[in-house]
């Protein structure tokens, strides 16, 4: 069963233009993120993903 309670927060982040925050929330709530990442506060997980996913140079 999928938990969808986080979608309101996702929508709020998206409406404010916080694409990175919305993406991070999706990763955390997807059910496939490593437990360590899923348990991190959003601000911390955002920083980890910023370092891990970078544009090609």
C-alpha atoms as a PDB file:
ATOM      1  CA  UNK A   1       0.000   0.000   0.000  1.00  0.00           C
ATOM      2  CA  UNK A   2       1.285   3.447  -0.856  1.00  0.00           C
ATOM      3  CA  UNK A   3       1.343   6.232   1.713  1.00  0.00           C
ATOM      4  CA  UNK A   4       0.340   9.498   0.066  1.00  0.00           C
ATOM      5  CA  UNK A   5       0.132  11.894   3.010  1.00  0.00           C
ATOM      6  CA  UNK A   6       3.353  13.594   1.889  1.00  0.00           C
ATOM      7  CA  UNK A   7       1.833  14.806  -1.396  1.00  0.00           C
ATOM      8  CA  UNK A   8       0.462  17.984   0.219  1.00  0.00           C
ATOM      9  CA  UNK A   9       3.982  18.958   1.264  1.00  0.00           C
ATOM     10  CA  UNK A  10       5.261  18.076  -2.226  1.00  0.00           C
ATOM     11  CA  UNK A  11       2.630  20.315  -3.806  1.00  0.00           C
ATOM     12  CA  UNK A  12       3.516  23.155  -1.436  1.00  0.00           C
ATOM     13  CA  UNK A  13       7.219  22.877  -2.286  1.00  0.00           C
ATOM     14  CA  UNK A  14       6.421  22.760  -6.008  1.00  0.00           C
ATOM     15  CA  UNK A  15       4.139  25.783  -5.849  1.00  0.00           C
ATOM     16  CA  UNK A  16       6.867  27.767  -4.086  1.00  0.00           C
ATOM     17  CA  UNK A  17       9.294  26.861  -6.888  1.00  0.00           C
ATOM     18  CA  UNK A  18      11.442  24.623  -4.681  1.00  0.00           C
ATOM     19  CA  UNK A  19      12.091  21.920  -7.279  1.00  0.00           C
ATOM     20  CA  UNK A  20      15.064  20.488  -5.408  1.00  0.00           C
ATOM     21  CA  UNK A  21      13.044  20.194  -2.204  1.00  0.00           C
ATOM     22  CA  UNK A  22      10.131  18.569  -4.032  1.00  0.00           C
ATOM     23  CA  UNK A  23      12.490  16.099  -5.714  1.00  0.00           C
ATOM     24  CA  UNK A  24      14.194  15.302  -2.420  1.00  0.00           C
ATOM     25  CA  UNK A  25      10.858  14.695  -0.740  1.00  0.00           C
ATOM     26  CA  UNK A  26       9.847  12.355  -3.567  1.00  0.00           C
ATOM     27  CA  UNK A  27      13.087  10.385  -3.206  1.00  0.00           C
ATOM     28  CA  UNK A  28      12.675  10.159   0.574  1.00  0.00           C
ATOM     29  CA  UNK A  29       9.066   8.983   0.320  1.00  0.00           C
ATOM     30  CA  UNK A  30       9.485   6.652  -2.672  1.00  0.00           C
ATOM     31  CA  UNK A  31      10.061   3.571  -0.568  1.00  0.00           C
ATOM     32  CA  UNK A  32      13.286   2.714  -2.395  1.00  0.00           C
ATOM     33  CA  UNK A  33      15.627   5.288  -0.851  1.00  0.00           C
ATOM     34  CA  UNK A  34      18.275   3.918   1.497  1.00  0.00           C
ATOM     35  CA  UNK A  35      17.028   3.949   5.086  1.00  0.00           C
ATOM     36  CA  UNK A  36      19.670   6.482   6.125  1.00  0.00           C
ATOM     37  CA  UNK A  37      18.502   8.952   3.467  1.00  0.00           C
ATOM     38  CA  UNK A  38      14.811   8.302   4.117  1.00  0.00           C
ATOM     39  CA  UNK A  39      15.268   9.056   7.835  1.00  0.00           C
ATOM     40  CA  UNK A  40      17.216  12.305   7.332  1.00  0.00           C
ATOM     41  CA  UNK A  41      15.532  15.683   7.733  1.00  0.00           C
ATOM     42  CA  UNK A  42      14.620  17.200   4.374  1.00  0.00           C
ATOM     43  CA  UNK A  43      17.325  19.895   4.580  1.00  0.00           C
ATOM     44  CA  UNK A  44      20.026  17.281   5.157  1.00  0.00           C
ATOM     45  CA  UNK A  45      18.794  14.887   2.462  1.00  0.00           C
ATOM     46  CA  UNK A  46      18.673  17.831   0.038  1.00  0.00           C
ATOM     47  CA  UNK A  47      22.351  18.563   0.721  1.00  0.00           C
ATOM     48  CA  UNK A  48      23.308  14.904   0.250  1.00  0.00           C
ATOM     49  CA  UNK A  49      21.441  14.681  -3.057  1.00  0.00           C
ATOM     50  CA  UNK A  50      22.958  17.976  -4.201  1.00  0.00           C
ATOM     51  CA  UNK A  51      26.426  16.429  -3.763  1.00  0.00           C
ATOM     52  CA  UNK A  52      25.437  13.071  -5.259  1.00  0.00           C
ATOM     53  CA  UNK A  53      23.537  14.306  -8.331  1.00  0.00           C
ATOM     54  CA  UNK A  54      25.426  16.905 -10.294  1.00  0.00           C
ATOM     55  CA  UNK A  55      25.050  18.219 -13.830  1.00  0.00           C
ATOM     56  CA  UNK A  56      27.533  16.970 -16.371  1.00  0.00           C
ATOM     57  CA  UNK A  57      30.445  19.311 -16.799  1.00  0.00           C
END
